[in-house]
Amino acid sequence: MIAVRALLALAAVAIGSPALAQTPPAYVAPGASVDPHRHQADQHRYEIDRLRAQADQRAAFARQLELEARLRRMEVEAARQPPLTEDPTGRALRSPEEERALREAATERRRATTAGVTQIDRWLDRPAR
């Protein structure tokens, strides 16, 4: 991570500043063998190369940020607690006697609940005075 950032910073320093690419051409005496159009074309080519290198640097930085974001998301997902639902296949095995006792206890609980509810219903349904 740090090595990549250091490499990107070194690349930015090596590319140079925009001011160097936009300097005016050096004075050349008339009749010299320097073609001003060729000099201007060279300046444009250097500037295009600089801009391409800058775009590559930005693309590399964007890929790095994307990779870091994906890694962080995976860390967050891994840190989540598993759901607290029971696995239906992991049900405890009981003997037939235990199953019968559990069923009878559930039936008794339902009867007690029904008795309490019907008592409340009778009180609510009483005639008005």
N, C-alpha and C. Protein backbone atom coordinates (compact mmCIF):
# COMPACT_ATOMS: atom_id res chain seq x y z
N MET A 1 0.84 -1.18 0.00
CA MET A 1 0.00 0.00 0.00
C MET A 1 0.88 1.24 0.00
N ILE A 2 1.80 1.30 0.96
CA ILE A 2 2.67 2.47 1.08
C ILE A 2 3.64 2.49 -0.10
N ALA A 3 4.08 1.32 -0.53
CA ALA A 3 5.02 1.24 -1.65
C ALA A 3 4.37 1.76 -2.93
N VAL A 4 3.11 1.45 -3.11
CA VAL A 4 2.40 1.92 -4.31
C VAL A 4 2.27 3.44 -4.29
N ARG A 5 1.93 3.98 -3.13
CA ARG A 5 1.81 5.44 -3.02
C ARG A 5 3.16 6.12 -3.24
N ALA A 6 4.22 5.52 -2.71
CA ALA A 6 5.55 6.09 -2.90
C ALA A 6 5.93 6.04 -4.39
N LEU A 7 5.57 4.96 -5.07
CA LEU A 7 5.86 4.82 -6.49
C LEU A 7 5.08 5.87 -7.28
N LEU A 8 3.83 6.10 -6.90
CA LEU A 8 3.02 7.12 -7.59
C LEU A 8 3.60 8.52 -7.36
N ALA A 9 4.06 8.80 -6.15
CA ALA A 9 4.66 10.10 -5.86
C ALA A 9 5.96 10.28 -6.65
N LEU A 10 6.76 9.23 -6.75
CA LEU A 10 8.00 9.29 -7.52
C LEU A 10 7.70 9.52 -9.00
N ALA A 11 6.65 8.89 -9.50
CA ALA A 11 6.27 9.08 -10.90
C ALA A 11 5.83 10.51 -11.15
N ALA A 12 5.12 11.10 -10.20
CA ALA A 12 4.66 12.48 -10.34
C ALA A 12 5.84 13.44 -10.38
N VAL A 13 6.85 13.18 -9.58
CA VAL A 13 8.04 14.04 -9.55
C VAL A 13 8.83 13.87 -10.84
N ALA A 14 8.90 12.64 -11.34
CA ALA A 14 9.68 12.36 -12.54
C ALA A 14 9.04 12.95 -13.79
N ILE A 15 7.74 13.11 -13.78
CA ILE A 15 7.05 13.64 -14.96
C ILE A 15 7.41 15.09 -15.18
N GLY A 16 7.52 15.83 -14.13
CA GLY A 16 7.88 17.23 -14.26
C GLY A 16 6.68 18.13 -14.07
N SER A 17 6.93 19.39 -14.04
CA SER A 17 5.83 20.33 -13.81
C SER A 17 5.30 20.82 -15.15
N PRO A 18 4.05 21.29 -15.17
CA PRO A 18 3.48 21.79 -16.42
C PRO A 18 4.19 23.04 -16.93
N ALA A 19 4.79 23.79 -16.05
CA ALA A 19 5.46 25.02 -16.47
C ALA A 19 6.63 24.73 -17.40
N LEU A 20 7.32 23.61 -17.20
CA LEU A 20 8.46 23.26 -18.05
C LEU A 20 8.01 22.91 -19.46
N ALA A 21 6.84 22.32 -19.59
CA ALA A 21 6.36 21.90 -20.90
C ALA A 21 5.82 23.07 -21.71
N GLN A 22 5.58 24.20 -21.08
CA GLN A 22 4.96 25.33 -21.77
C GLN A 22 5.91 26.52 -21.91
N THR A 23 7.18 26.25 -21.91
CA THR A 23 8.14 27.36 -22.06
C THR A 23 8.19 27.79 -23.52
N PRO A 24 8.44 29.07 -23.74
CA PRO A 24 8.51 29.53 -25.14
C PRO A 24 9.76 28.97 -25.82
N PRO A 25 9.71 28.85 -27.11
CA PRO A 25 10.90 28.29 -27.80
C PRO A 25 12.09 29.23 -27.66
N ALA A 26 13.26 28.64 -27.65
CA ALA A 26 14.49 29.45 -27.55
C ALA A 26 14.65 30.27 -28.82
N TYR A 27 15.30 31.40 -28.67
CA TYR A 27 15.49 32.27 -29.83
C TYR A 27 16.48 31.62 -30.78
N VAL A 28 16.07 31.58 -32.03
CA VAL A 28 16.95 31.04 -33.07
C VAL A 28 17.08 32.14 -34.13
N ALA A 29 18.29 32.40 -34.49
CA ALA A 29 18.52 33.45 -35.49
C ALA A 29 17.88 33.06 -36.81
N PRO A 30 17.38 34.06 -37.55
CA PRO A 30 16.78 33.75 -38.85
C PRO A 30 17.79 33.08 -39.77
N GLY A 31 17.29 32.14 -40.53
CA GLY A 31 18.14 31.41 -41.47
C GLY A 31 18.82 30.22 -40.85
N ALA A 32 18.59 29.98 -39.55
CA ALA A 32 19.22 28.81 -38.92
C ALA A 32 18.49 27.56 -39.39
N SER A 33 19.06 26.42 -39.09
CA SER A 33 18.51 25.17 -39.60
C SER A 33 17.42 24.59 -38.69
N VAL A 34 16.81 25.40 -37.81
CA VAL A 34 15.77 24.92 -36.91
C VAL A 34 14.42 25.28 -37.51
N ASP A 35 13.56 24.30 -37.61
CA ASP A 35 12.21 24.52 -38.15
C ASP A 35 11.27 24.86 -36.98
N PRO A 36 10.66 26.04 -36.92
CA PRO A 36 9.79 26.40 -35.79
C PRO A 36 8.56 25.50 -35.68
N HIS A 37 8.08 25.00 -36.81
CA HIS A 37 6.91 24.11 -36.77
C HIS A 37 7.26 22.77 -36.13
N ARG A 38 8.48 22.30 -36.43
CA ARG A 38 8.92 21.04 -35.83
C ARG A 38 9.09 21.22 -34.32
N HIS A 39 9.62 22.37 -33.94
CA HIS A 39 9.78 22.65 -32.50
C HIS A 39 8.42 22.69 -31.80
N GLN A 40 7.45 23.32 -32.43
CA GLN A 40 6.10 23.38 -31.85
C GLN A 40 5.48 21.98 -31.77
N ALA A 41 5.69 21.17 -32.78
CA ALA A 41 5.16 19.79 -32.78
C ALA A 41 5.80 18.99 -31.65
N ASP A 42 7.12 19.20 -31.45
CA ASP A 42 7.79 18.50 -30.34
C ASP A 42 7.19 18.92 -28.99
N GLN A 43 6.93 20.21 -28.84
CA GLN A 43 6.32 20.68 -27.59
C GLN A 43 4.96 20.04 -27.37
N HIS A 44 4.18 19.96 -28.43
CA HIS A 44 2.85 19.34 -28.30
C HIS A 44 2.98 17.85 -27.94
N ARG A 45 3.93 17.19 -28.58
CA ARG A 45 4.13 15.76 -28.29
C ARG A 45 4.56 15.55 -26.84
N TYR A 46 5.45 16.40 -26.34
CA TYR A 46 5.88 16.29 -24.95
C TYR A 46 4.71 16.54 -23.98
N GLU A 47 3.90 17.53 -24.32
CA GLU A 47 2.74 17.84 -23.47
C GLU A 47 1.74 16.68 -23.48
N ILE A 48 1.51 16.10 -24.65
CA ILE A 48 0.59 14.96 -24.74
C ILE A 48 1.14 13.78 -23.94
N ASP A 49 2.44 13.54 -24.02
CA ASP A 49 3.04 12.46 -23.23
C ASP A 49 2.89 12.72 -21.74
N ARG A 50 3.07 13.98 -21.34
CA ARG A 50 2.91 14.32 -19.92
C ARG A 50 1.47 14.09 -19.47
N LEU A 51 0.52 14.50 -20.29
CA LEU A 51 -0.88 14.31 -19.94
C LEU A 51 -1.26 12.83 -19.89
N ARG A 52 -0.70 12.04 -20.82
CA ARG A 52 -0.97 10.59 -20.78
C ARG A 52 -0.40 9.95 -19.52
N ALA A 53 0.80 10.36 -19.15
CA ALA A 53 1.40 9.82 -17.92
C ALA A 53 0.57 10.22 -16.71
N GLN A 54 0.06 11.45 -16.71
CA GLN A 54 -0.78 11.90 -15.60
C GLN A 54 -2.08 11.11 -15.56
N ALA A 55 -2.68 10.83 -16.71
CA ALA A 55 -3.90 10.03 -16.76
C ALA A 55 -3.64 8.60 -16.29
N ASP A 56 -2.50 8.04 -16.67
CA ASP A 56 -2.14 6.69 -16.20
C ASP A 56 -1.97 6.67 -14.69
N GLN A 57 -1.35 7.74 -14.16
CA GLN A 57 -1.16 7.83 -12.71
C GLN A 57 -2.51 7.89 -12.00
N ARG A 58 -3.41 8.68 -12.52
CA ARG A 58 -4.74 8.80 -11.91
C ARG A 58 -5.51 7.49 -12.02
N ALA A 59 -5.38 6.80 -13.13
CA ALA A 59 -6.05 5.51 -13.28
C ALA A 59 -5.50 4.49 -12.29
N ALA A 60 -4.18 4.49 -12.10
CA ALA A 60 -3.58 3.58 -11.13
C ALA A 60 -4.07 3.89 -9.72
N PHE A 61 -4.19 5.17 -9.40
CA PHE A 61 -4.67 5.57 -8.08
C PHE A 61 -6.13 5.16 -7.90
N ALA A 62 -6.94 5.31 -8.95
CA ALA A 62 -8.35 4.89 -8.88
C ALA A 62 -8.46 3.38 -8.67
N ARG A 63 -7.61 2.61 -9.36
CA ARG A 63 -7.62 1.15 -9.16
C ARG A 63 -7.21 0.79 -7.74
N GLN A 64 -6.24 1.52 -7.20
CA GLN A 64 -5.81 1.27 -5.83
C GLN A 64 -6.95 1.55 -4.85
N LEU A 65 -7.65 2.67 -5.03
CA LEU A 65 -8.77 3.00 -4.15
C LEU A 65 -9.89 1.97 -4.27
N GLU A 66 -10.15 1.51 -5.48
CA GLU A 66 -11.18 0.50 -5.69
C GLU A 66 -10.81 -0.80 -4.98
N LEU A 67 -9.55 -1.18 -5.07
CA LEU A 67 -9.08 -2.39 -4.41
C LEU A 67 -9.19 -2.26 -2.89
N GLU A 68 -8.81 -1.10 -2.35
CA GLU A 68 -8.91 -0.88 -0.91
C GLU A 68 -10.36 -0.91 -0.45
N ALA A 69 -11.26 -0.32 -1.24
CA ALA A 69 -12.68 -0.33 -0.88
C ALA A 69 -13.24 -1.75 -0.89
N ARG A 70 -12.86 -2.53 -1.90
CA ARG A 70 -13.33 -3.92 -1.98
C ARG A 70 -12.80 -4.72 -0.79
N LEU A 71 -11.54 -4.51 -0.44
CA LEU A 71 -10.95 -5.22 0.69
C LEU A 71 -11.65 -4.84 1.99
N ARG A 72 -11.92 -3.56 2.17
CA ARG A 72 -12.60 -3.10 3.40
C ARG A 72 -14.01 -3.68 3.49
N ARG A 73 -14.72 -3.71 2.35
CA ARG A 73 -16.07 -4.29 2.34
C ARG A 73 -16.02 -5.78 2.72
N MET A 74 -15.01 -6.48 2.22
CA MET A 74 -14.88 -7.91 2.57
C MET A 74 -14.58 -8.06 4.06
N GLU A 75 -13.77 -7.17 4.63
CA GLU A 75 -13.47 -7.24 6.06
C GLU A 75 -14.73 -6.99 6.89
N VAL A 76 -15.53 -6.03 6.47
CA VAL A 76 -16.77 -5.72 7.20
C VAL A 76 -17.73 -6.91 7.11
N GLU A 77 -17.86 -7.49 5.93
CA GLU A 77 -18.76 -8.63 5.78
C GLU A 77 -18.28 -9.83 6.59
N ALA A 78 -16.97 -10.00 6.67
CA ALA A 78 -16.43 -11.13 7.44
C ALA A 78 -16.63 -10.91 8.94
N ALA A 79 -16.67 -9.64 9.37
CA ALA A 79 -16.82 -9.35 10.79
C ALA A 79 -18.26 -9.44 11.27
N ARG A 80 -19.20 -9.54 10.35
CA ARG A 80 -20.60 -9.63 10.76
C ARG A 80 -20.85 -10.92 11.52
N GLN A 81 -21.81 -10.84 12.45
CA GLN A 81 -22.17 -12.04 13.20
C GLN A 81 -23.09 -12.90 12.34
N PRO A 82 -22.98 -14.20 12.45
CA PRO A 82 -23.87 -15.06 11.67
C PRO A 82 -25.30 -14.91 12.19
N PRO A 83 -26.28 -15.18 11.36
CA PRO A 83 -27.68 -15.09 11.81
C PRO A 83 -27.96 -16.08 12.94
N LEU A 84 -28.87 -15.71 13.80
CA LEU A 84 -29.15 -16.51 14.98
C LEU A 84 -30.31 -17.50 14.76
N THR A 85 -30.45 -18.00 13.58
CA THR A 85 -31.51 -18.98 13.30
C THR A 85 -30.95 -20.37 13.51
N GLU A 86 -31.83 -21.25 13.94
CA GLU A 86 -31.40 -22.63 14.15
C GLU A 86 -31.50 -23.41 12.85
N ASP A 87 -30.60 -24.29 12.69
CA ASP A 87 -30.61 -25.15 11.52
C ASP A 87 -31.64 -26.26 11.75
N PRO A 88 -32.61 -26.43 10.84
CA PRO A 88 -33.64 -27.44 11.07
C PRO A 88 -33.08 -28.86 11.10
N THR A 89 -31.95 -29.09 10.45
CA THR A 89 -31.37 -30.43 10.46
C THR A 89 -30.62 -30.70 11.76
N GLY A 90 -30.31 -29.67 12.52
CA GLY A 90 -29.55 -29.83 13.75
C GLY A 90 -30.45 -30.02 14.96
N ARG A 91 -31.66 -30.46 14.75
CA ARG A 91 -32.60 -30.66 15.85
C ARG A 91 -32.15 -31.81 16.75
N ALA A 92 -32.30 -31.62 18.04
CA ALA A 92 -31.87 -32.65 18.98
C ALA A 92 -32.78 -33.88 18.86
N LEU A 93 -32.16 -35.03 18.93
CA LEU A 93 -32.93 -36.28 18.87
C LEU A 93 -33.41 -36.63 20.28
N ARG A 94 -34.71 -36.97 20.38
CA ARG A 94 -35.28 -37.33 21.68
C ARG A 94 -35.93 -38.69 21.56
N SER A 95 -36.08 -39.28 22.71
CA SER A 95 -36.75 -40.59 22.74
C SER A 95 -38.26 -40.37 22.57
N PRO A 96 -39.00 -41.42 22.18
CA PRO A 96 -40.45 -41.27 22.03
C PRO A 96 -41.13 -40.81 23.32
N GLU A 97 -40.64 -41.26 24.47
CA GLU A 97 -41.24 -40.86 25.74
C GLU A 97 -41.06 -39.35 25.97
N GLU A 98 -39.86 -38.83 25.66
CA GLU A 98 -39.61 -37.41 25.81
C GLU A 98 -40.49 -36.60 24.86
N GLU A 99 -40.62 -37.06 23.63
CA GLU A 99 -41.47 -36.37 22.66
C GLU A 99 -42.92 -36.31 23.16
N ARG A 100 -43.41 -37.44 23.68
CA ARG A 100 -44.79 -37.49 24.17
C ARG A 100 -44.98 -36.53 25.35
N ALA A 101 -43.99 -36.50 26.26
CA ALA A 101 -44.08 -35.61 27.41
C ALA A 101 -44.09 -34.14 26.96
N LEU A 102 -43.27 -33.81 25.96
CA LEU A 102 -43.25 -32.44 25.43
C LEU A 102 -44.57 -32.07 24.77
N ARG A 103 -45.15 -33.01 24.00
CA ARG A 103 -46.45 -32.75 23.37
C ARG A 103 -47.54 -32.53 24.41
N GLU A 104 -47.55 -33.37 25.45
CA GLU A 104 -48.57 -33.23 26.50
C GLU A 104 -48.40 -31.91 27.25
N ALA A 105 -47.14 -31.48 27.48
CA ALA A 105 -46.90 -30.21 28.16
C ALA A 105 -47.38 -29.04 27.29
N ALA A 106 -47.16 -29.13 25.99
CA ALA A 106 -47.62 -28.08 25.09
C ALA A 106 -49.14 -28.02 25.06
N THR A 107 -49.78 -29.19 25.06
CA THR A 107 -51.25 -29.23 25.09
C THR A 107 -51.78 -28.59 26.37
N GLU A 108 -51.16 -28.89 27.49
CA GLU A 108 -51.60 -28.32 28.77
C GLU A 108 -51.41 -26.79 28.78
N ARG A 109 -50.30 -26.31 28.20
CA ARG A 109 -50.10 -24.86 28.11
C ARG A 109 -51.17 -24.20 27.25
N ARG A 110 -51.52 -24.84 26.14
CA ARG A 110 -52.57 -24.28 25.29
C ARG A 110 -53.91 -24.25 26.01
N ARG A 111 -54.24 -25.30 26.77
CA ARG A 111 -55.50 -25.32 27.54
C ARG A 111 -55.52 -24.21 28.58
N ALA A 112 -54.41 -24.00 29.27
CA ALA A 112 -54.35 -22.95 30.29
C ALA A 112 -54.50 -21.57 29.65
N THR A 113 -53.88 -21.37 28.51
CA THR A 113 -54.00 -20.10 27.80
C THR A 113 -55.43 -19.88 27.35
N THR A 114 -56.05 -20.92 26.81
CA THR A 114 -57.44 -20.81 26.35
C THR A 114 -58.37 -20.50 27.51
N ALA A 115 -58.14 -21.12 28.64
CA ALA A 115 -59.00 -20.88 29.81
C ALA A 115 -58.88 -19.42 30.25
N GLY A 116 -57.65 -18.90 30.26
CA GLY A 116 -57.46 -17.51 30.67
C GLY A 116 -58.09 -16.54 29.68
N VAL A 117 -57.99 -16.84 28.41
CA VAL A 117 -58.54 -15.96 27.39
C VAL A 117 -60.06 -15.99 27.41
N THR A 118 -60.65 -17.17 27.58
CA THR A 118 -62.12 -17.25 27.61
C THR A 118 -62.66 -16.53 28.83
N GLN A 119 -61.96 -16.57 29.95
CA GLN A 119 -62.39 -15.83 31.13
C GLN A 119 -62.41 -14.32 30.84
N ILE A 120 -61.39 -13.82 30.14
CA ILE A 120 -61.36 -12.40 29.76
C ILE A 120 -62.47 -12.10 28.77
N ASP A 121 -62.70 -13.00 27.81
CA ASP A 121 -63.76 -12.79 26.83
C ASP A 121 -65.13 -12.72 27.49
N ARG A 122 -65.36 -13.60 28.45
CA ARG A 122 -66.65 -13.57 29.15
C ARG A 122 -66.83 -12.25 29.90
N TRP A 123 -65.76 -11.76 30.50
CA TRP A 123 -65.86 -10.49 31.24
C TRP A 123 -66.13 -9.33 30.28
N LEU A 124 -65.49 -9.35 29.08
CA LEU A 124 -65.72 -8.29 28.10
C LEU A 124 -67.11 -8.37 27.49
N ASP A 125 -67.67 -9.59 27.36
CA ASP A 125 -68.99 -9.78 26.75
C ASP A 125 -70.13 -9.64 27.72
N ARG A 126 -69.88 -9.29 28.97
CA ARG A 126 -70.96 -9.20 29.96
C ARG A 126 -71.94 -8.08 29.55
N PRO A 127 -73.18 -8.19 29.96
CA PRO A 127 -74.17 -7.17 29.59
C PRO A 127 -73.84 -5.84 30.25
N ALA A 128 -74.13 -4.80 29.52
CA ALA A 128 -73.88 -3.46 30.04
C ALA A 128 -74.89 -3.13 31.13
N ARG A 129 -74.53 -2.37 32.14
CA ARG A 129 -75.44 -2.03 33.23
C ARG A 129 -76.10 -0.72 33.03
